[in-house]
Amino acid sequence: MLILLEFILVTLGIVYLSFTITKNYTLVFSKRRPNKITRYLVAAFGAGFMLAAIIFALFIWGTALGFVYWFATITFSASLCVLALSFKPRVLRLFLLI
């Protein structure tokens, strides 16, 4: 159950950080360009989720296993994000909380 929470935090962080790239943002939302405030807000949310994920992992599993689980979930989440952006970019709209 804890690894699922770690996966959700990391996935939200990766998806939000991918929205800071203009090409990914236009793929998902069909807009020309995000404005500056939106880009900073999305980047802040992405960094916040990633920071929360690393703190959660280090607190629950300790230093050695925390980093291992964090990097493992980043690898898996980034792979899923890349696949979603390649084949079904509109699915990533579900992750937008702002």
Protein backbone atom coordinates (compact mmCIF):
# COMPACT_ATOMS: atom_id res chain seq x y z
CA MET A 1 0.00 0.00 0.00
CA LEU A 2 2.86 2.38 0.76
CA ILE A 3 4.52 1.74 -2.59
CA LEU A 4 1.24 2.65 -4.28
CA LEU A 5 1.23 6.02 -2.53
CA GLU A 6 4.85 6.51 -3.57
CA PHE A 7 3.92 5.63 -7.15
CA ILE A 8 1.04 8.13 -7.16
CA LEU A 9 3.23 10.95 -5.80
CA VAL A 10 6.02 10.28 -8.28
CA THR A 11 3.63 9.90 -11.22
CA LEU A 12 1.96 13.22 -10.42
CA GLY A 13 5.39 14.84 -10.17
CA ILE A 14 6.58 13.42 -13.50
CA VAL A 15 3.38 14.37 -15.31
CA TYR A 16 3.38 17.91 -13.94
CA LEU A 17 7.05 18.36 -14.80
CA SER A 18 6.38 17.10 -18.32
CA PHE A 19 3.71 19.79 -18.71
CA THR A 20 6.39 22.47 -18.32
CA ILE A 21 7.67 21.56 -21.79
CA THR A 22 5.69 23.52 -24.35
CA LYS A 23 5.47 20.64 -26.82
CA ASN A 24 3.98 18.29 -24.23
CA TYR A 25 1.55 20.95 -23.03
CA THR A 26 0.26 21.59 -26.56
CA LEU A 27 -0.09 17.83 -27.17
CA VAL A 28 -2.29 17.39 -24.14
CA PHE A 29 -4.31 20.63 -24.13
CA SER A 30 -4.33 21.68 -27.82
CA LYS A 31 -3.36 25.23 -26.95
CA ARG A 32 -0.66 27.18 -28.62
CA ARG A 33 1.50 27.90 -25.60
CA PRO A 34 1.02 27.96 -21.85
CA ASN A 35 1.39 31.35 -20.26
CA LYS A 36 4.24 32.07 -17.89
CA ILE A 37 2.17 31.75 -14.71
CA THR A 38 0.83 28.35 -15.75
CA ARG A 39 4.32 27.07 -16.50
CA TYR A 40 5.67 28.21 -13.13
CA LEU A 41 2.65 26.84 -11.28
CA VAL A 42 2.88 23.45 -12.99
CA ALA A 43 6.64 23.30 -12.35
CA ALA A 44 6.08 24.14 -8.68
CA PHE A 45 3.45 21.41 -8.34
CA GLY A 46 5.72 18.90 -10.07
CA ALA A 47 8.69 19.74 -7.87
CA GLY A 48 6.46 19.67 -4.80
CA PHE A 49 5.14 16.20 -5.60
CA MET A 50 8.67 14.92 -6.27
CA LEU A 51 9.92 16.43 -3.02
CA ALA A 52 7.00 14.91 -1.12
CA ALA A 53 7.73 11.55 -2.73
CA ILE A 54 11.40 11.52 -1.75
CA ILE A 55 10.64 12.65 1.80
CA PHE A 56 7.94 10.00 2.09
CA ALA A 57 10.25 7.28 0.78
CA LEU A 58 13.11 8.25 3.07
CA PHE A 59 10.82 8.48 6.08
CA ILE A 60 9.09 5.14 5.51
CA TRP A 61 11.91 2.91 4.21
CA GLY A 62 15.06 4.65 5.43
CA THR A 63 17.93 6.02 3.41
CA ALA A 64 19.08 2.96 1.47
CA LEU A 65 15.73 1.46 0.49
CA GLY A 66 14.06 4.87 0.23
CA PHE A 67 16.35 5.95 -2.59
CA VAL A 68 15.98 2.56 -4.29
CA TYR A 69 12.18 2.68 -4.23
CA TRP A 70 12.14 6.34 -5.26
CA PHE A 71 14.37 5.77 -8.30
CA ALA A 72 12.44 2.62 -9.22
CA THR A 73 9.11 4.42 -9.17
CA ILE A 74 10.61 7.34 -11.13
CA THR A 75 11.77 4.91 -13.81
CA PHE A 76 8.39 3.22 -14.06
CA SER A 77 6.41 6.48 -13.93
CA ALA A 78 8.59 8.18 -16.52
CA SER A 79 8.16 5.19 -18.84
CA LEU A 80 4.40 5.36 -18.46
CA CYS A 81 4.42 9.12 -19.03
CA VAL A 82 6.47 8.76 -22.21
CA LEU A 83 4.16 6.05 -23.51
CA ALA A 84 1.09 8.14 -22.70
CA LEU A 85 2.56 11.21 -24.42
CA SER A 86 3.45 9.12 -27.47
CA PHE A 87 0.21 7.25 -27.98
CA LYS A 88 -2.60 8.80 -25.90
CA PRO A 89 -1.60 12.32 -24.83
CA ARG A 90 -5.15 13.37 -23.90
CA VAL A 91 -5.21 10.76 -21.10
CA LEU A 92 -2.79 12.93 -19.12
CA ARG A 93 -5.51 15.56 -18.70
CA LEU A 94 -6.84 13.40 -15.88
CA PHE A 95 -3.76 14.22 -13.79
CA LEU A 96 -4.23 17.97 -13.90
CA LEU A 97 -5.36 19.15 -10.48
CA ILE A 98 -4.99 22.90 -10.98
